[in-house]
Amino acid sequence: MLNADFRPLSYYPLSLWPWQEAIKAAFLDRVNIIAEYDEVVRSPSMEIRIPSVVVLKDYVKPQKRVAFTRFNLFLRDEFRCQYCGSKGDLTFDHVVPRARGGVTSWENVVAACSKCNLRKGSKHLHQSGLSLRKPPRQPGAEELRNMGRKFPPGYLHESWMDFLYWDAELEA
């Protein structure tokens, strides 16, 4: 699903609708169908090709505020442990431990693998022997959307390709 400016509402996760919702929105005149799959669905009175790309008729203004969620935190940190750089088996860690007055905020929480999280425990960074790959900070909404472009879904149908990355900056 694309916004009225032909950009996805989100890249990661990619803004997707089930085909039933896309057909319903088309019948309610909320979207224009701009690409379709070869497959059709039938009712007793009609046959319709399943939409693969729809664009909203009314522009939805993207949120400026980024919600502090586990998913957004992992996205900000590129799904890597901020101590050793490994991928997978991620949890989160308070840089200044809560037991030592640390707060749960963008500026104090990072993605961490279980091994590093256990190693650090409730110690300060300098006591644990670990160091951060980059300092934690609150990302902007546009920055997080751009980060999402680095992680395309495992499967992209060919009909989506013309609409996903046309607004990305070209490399010189």
Protein backbone atom coordinates (compact mmCIF):
# COMPACT_ATOMS: atom_id res chain seq x y z
CA MET A 1 0.00 0.00 0.00
CA LEU A 2 1.31 3.40 -1.01
CA ASN A 3 0.47 6.81 0.35
CA ALA A 4 -1.10 9.35 -2.01
CA ASP A 5 2.43 10.57 -2.87
CA PHE A 6 3.24 7.04 -4.14
CA ARG A 7 5.61 6.26 -1.26
CA PRO A 8 5.08 3.32 1.10
CA LEU A 9 3.67 4.41 4.46
CA SER A 10 6.51 2.42 5.99
CA TYR A 11 9.44 0.48 4.63
CA TYR A 12 10.15 -1.74 7.60
CA PRO A 13 7.83 -3.31 8.12
CA LEU A 14 6.68 -2.73 4.56
CA SER A 15 3.14 -1.33 4.48
CA LEU A 16 1.16 -4.31 3.31
CA TRP A 17 -2.55 -5.10 3.30
CA PRO A 18 -4.21 -8.46 2.87
CA TRP A 19 -5.76 -8.74 -0.60
CA GLN A 20 -9.26 -8.69 0.94
CA GLU A 21 -8.58 -5.27 2.50
CA ALA A 22 -7.21 -3.93 -0.79
CA ILE A 23 -10.34 -5.02 -2.67
CA LYS A 24 -12.61 -3.62 0.03
CA ALA A 25 -10.77 -0.26 -0.04
CA ALA A 26 -11.06 -0.17 -3.85
CA PHE A 27 -14.83 -0.75 -3.68
CA LEU A 28 -15.14 1.95 -1.03
CA ASP A 29 -13.22 4.27 -3.41
CA ARG A 30 -10.42 4.87 -0.88
CA VAL A 31 -7.62 3.59 -3.14
CA ASN A 32 -6.66 3.29 -6.77
CA ILE A 33 -5.37 -0.06 -7.95
CA ILE A 34 -2.17 0.52 -9.92
CA ALA A 35 -0.88 -3.07 -10.29
CA GLU A 36 -2.50 -6.48 -10.08
CA TYR A 37 -1.49 -10.10 -9.73
CA ASP A 38 -2.48 -12.64 -12.37
CA GLU A 39 -4.68 -14.46 -9.84
CA VAL A 40 -8.38 -13.67 -9.64
CA VAL A 41 -11.05 -14.03 -7.00
CA ARG A 42 -14.66 -14.69 -7.83
CA SER A 43 -17.99 -13.99 -6.30
CA PRO A 44 -21.30 -15.21 -7.70
CA SER A 45 -21.64 -12.01 -9.71
CA MET A 46 -18.09 -10.89 -10.56
CA GLU A 47 -14.45 -11.73 -11.06
CA ILE A 48 -11.61 -9.40 -10.01
CA ARG A 49 -7.84 -9.63 -10.29
CA ILE A 50 -6.12 -9.42 -6.92
CA PRO A 51 -4.48 -6.01 -6.39
CA SER A 52 -0.72 -6.10 -5.80
CA VAL A 53 -0.14 -2.33 -5.44
CA VAL A 54 -2.73 0.21 -4.32
CA VAL A 55 -2.34 3.92 -3.68
CA LEU A 56 -4.41 5.84 -1.15
CA LYS A 57 -6.56 8.63 -2.56
CA ASP A 58 -6.08 10.75 0.56
CA TYR A 59 -2.61 11.58 1.83
CA VAL A 60 -1.79 10.25 5.30
CA LYS A 61 0.70 12.53 7.04
CA PRO A 62 3.59 10.45 8.42
CA GLN A 63 4.12 10.61 12.16
CA LYS A 64 6.89 12.91 13.31
CA ARG A 65 7.25 11.24 16.70
CA VAL A 66 9.00 7.90 16.80
CA ALA A 67 7.47 5.48 19.29
CA PHE A 68 9.96 3.98 21.73
CA THR A 69 9.37 0.28 20.99
CA ARG A 70 11.61 -2.76 20.98
CA PHE A 71 11.21 -3.04 17.20
CA ASN A 72 12.15 0.61 16.57
CA LEU A 73 15.11 0.29 18.94
CA PHE A 74 16.38 -2.76 17.02
CA LEU A 75 15.81 -0.92 13.74
CA ARG A 76 17.76 2.12 14.99
CA ASP A 77 20.62 -0.21 15.95
CA GLU A 78 20.38 -2.06 12.60
CA PHE A 79 19.49 -5.35 14.32
CA ARG A 80 23.03 -5.63 15.71
CA CYS A 81 24.41 -5.90 19.21
CA GLN A 82 25.80 -2.47 20.07
CA TYR A 83 28.68 -4.05 21.99
CA CYS A 84 30.02 -6.81 19.70
CA GLY A 85 28.13 -6.21 16.43
CA SER A 86 26.58 -9.67 16.18
CA LYS A 87 23.16 -10.28 14.65
CA GLY A 88 20.37 -12.40 16.05
CA ASP A 89 19.39 -13.41 19.60
CA LEU A 90 18.91 -9.74 20.50
CA THR A 91 17.55 -8.32 23.67
CA PHE A 92 18.01 -4.80 25.00
CA ASP A 93 20.33 -3.38 27.62
CA HIS A 94 20.32 -0.29 29.78
CA VAL A 95 23.72 1.39 29.31
CA VAL A 96 23.43 2.91 32.77
CA PRO A 97 21.72 0.04 34.61
CA ARG A 98 18.34 0.69 36.14
CA ALA A 99 19.75 -0.59 39.44
CA ARG A 100 22.17 2.36 39.30
CA GLY A 101 19.59 5.00 38.39
CA GLY A 102 19.45 4.49 34.62
CA VAL A 103 16.20 5.25 32.85
CA THR A 104 14.41 3.48 30.02
CA SER A 105 14.89 5.95 27.17
CA TRP A 106 16.29 6.22 23.66
CA GLU A 107 19.48 7.68 25.11
CA ASN A 108 20.08 4.84 27.59
CA VAL A 109 18.87 1.64 25.93
CA VAL A 110 20.66 -0.31 23.17
CA ALA A 111 20.23 -3.59 21.34
CA ALA A 112 22.47 -6.26 22.83
CA CYS A 113 23.02 -9.96 22.28
CA SER A 114 22.35 -12.21 25.25
CA LYS A 115 26.06 -12.94 25.73
CA CYS A 116 27.04 -9.26 25.99
CA ASN A 117 23.98 -8.44 28.09
CA LEU A 118 24.91 -11.15 30.60
CA ARG A 119 28.55 -10.06 30.59
CA LYS A 120 27.62 -6.45 31.34
CA GLY A 121 24.94 -7.29 33.88
CA SER A 122 24.24 -4.33 36.15
CA LYS A 123 27.74 -2.90 35.85
CA HIS A 124 28.72 0.40 34.27
CA LEU A 125 30.34 0.18 30.83
CA HIS A 126 33.87 0.86 32.08
CA GLN A 127 33.50 -1.88 34.71
CA SER A 128 32.34 -4.47 32.18
CA GLY A 129 35.13 -4.00 29.64
CA LEU A 130 32.55 -3.41 26.89
CA SER A 131 32.24 -0.36 24.68
CA LEU A 132 29.44 0.93 22.49
CA ARG A 133 29.71 0.87 18.70
CA LYS A 134 27.79 4.17 18.61
CA PRO A 135 26.16 6.29 21.32
CA PRO A 136 22.42 5.72 21.76
CA ARG A 137 20.14 8.58 20.73
CA GLN A 138 16.57 9.19 19.69
CA PRO A 139 16.17 8.75 15.94
CA GLY A 140 14.03 11.03 13.81
CA ALA A 141 11.03 9.60 11.96
CA GLU A 142 12.60 10.11 8.53
CA GLU A 143 15.88 8.59 9.71
CA LEU A 144 14.06 5.47 10.93
CA ARG A 145 12.14 5.21 7.64
CA ASN A 146 15.44 5.37 5.77
CA MET A 147 16.91 2.69 8.04
CA GLY A 148 13.97 0.46 7.11
CA ARG A 149 15.00 0.61 3.46
CA LYS A 150 18.15 -1.32 4.33
CA PHE A 151 16.04 -4.32 5.34
CA PRO A 152 13.78 -5.26 2.42
CA PRO A 153 11.27 -8.05 3.03
CA GLY A 154 12.39 -11.56 2.15
CA TYR A 155 10.08 -11.59 -0.84
CA LEU A 156 9.34 -8.68 -3.17
CA HIS A 157 6.90 -9.27 -5.98
CA GLU A 158 8.09 -7.79 -9.29
CA SER A 159 5.03 -5.51 -9.44
CA TRP A 160 6.24 -3.74 -6.27
CA MET A 161 9.73 -2.90 -7.48
CA ASP A 162 8.83 0.29 -9.34
CA PHE A 163 7.19 1.76 -6.25
CA LEU A 164 9.49 0.90 -3.35
CA TYR A 165 12.75 2.72 -3.87
CA TRP A 166 12.06 5.42 -6.45
CA ASP A 167 12.47 8.13 -3.81
CA ALA A 168 15.84 6.84 -2.58
CA GLU A 169 18.84 9.06 -3.26
CA LEU A 170 20.94 7.86 -6.17
CA GLU A 171 24.61 7.14 -5.68
CA ALA A 172 27.00 9.20 -7.80
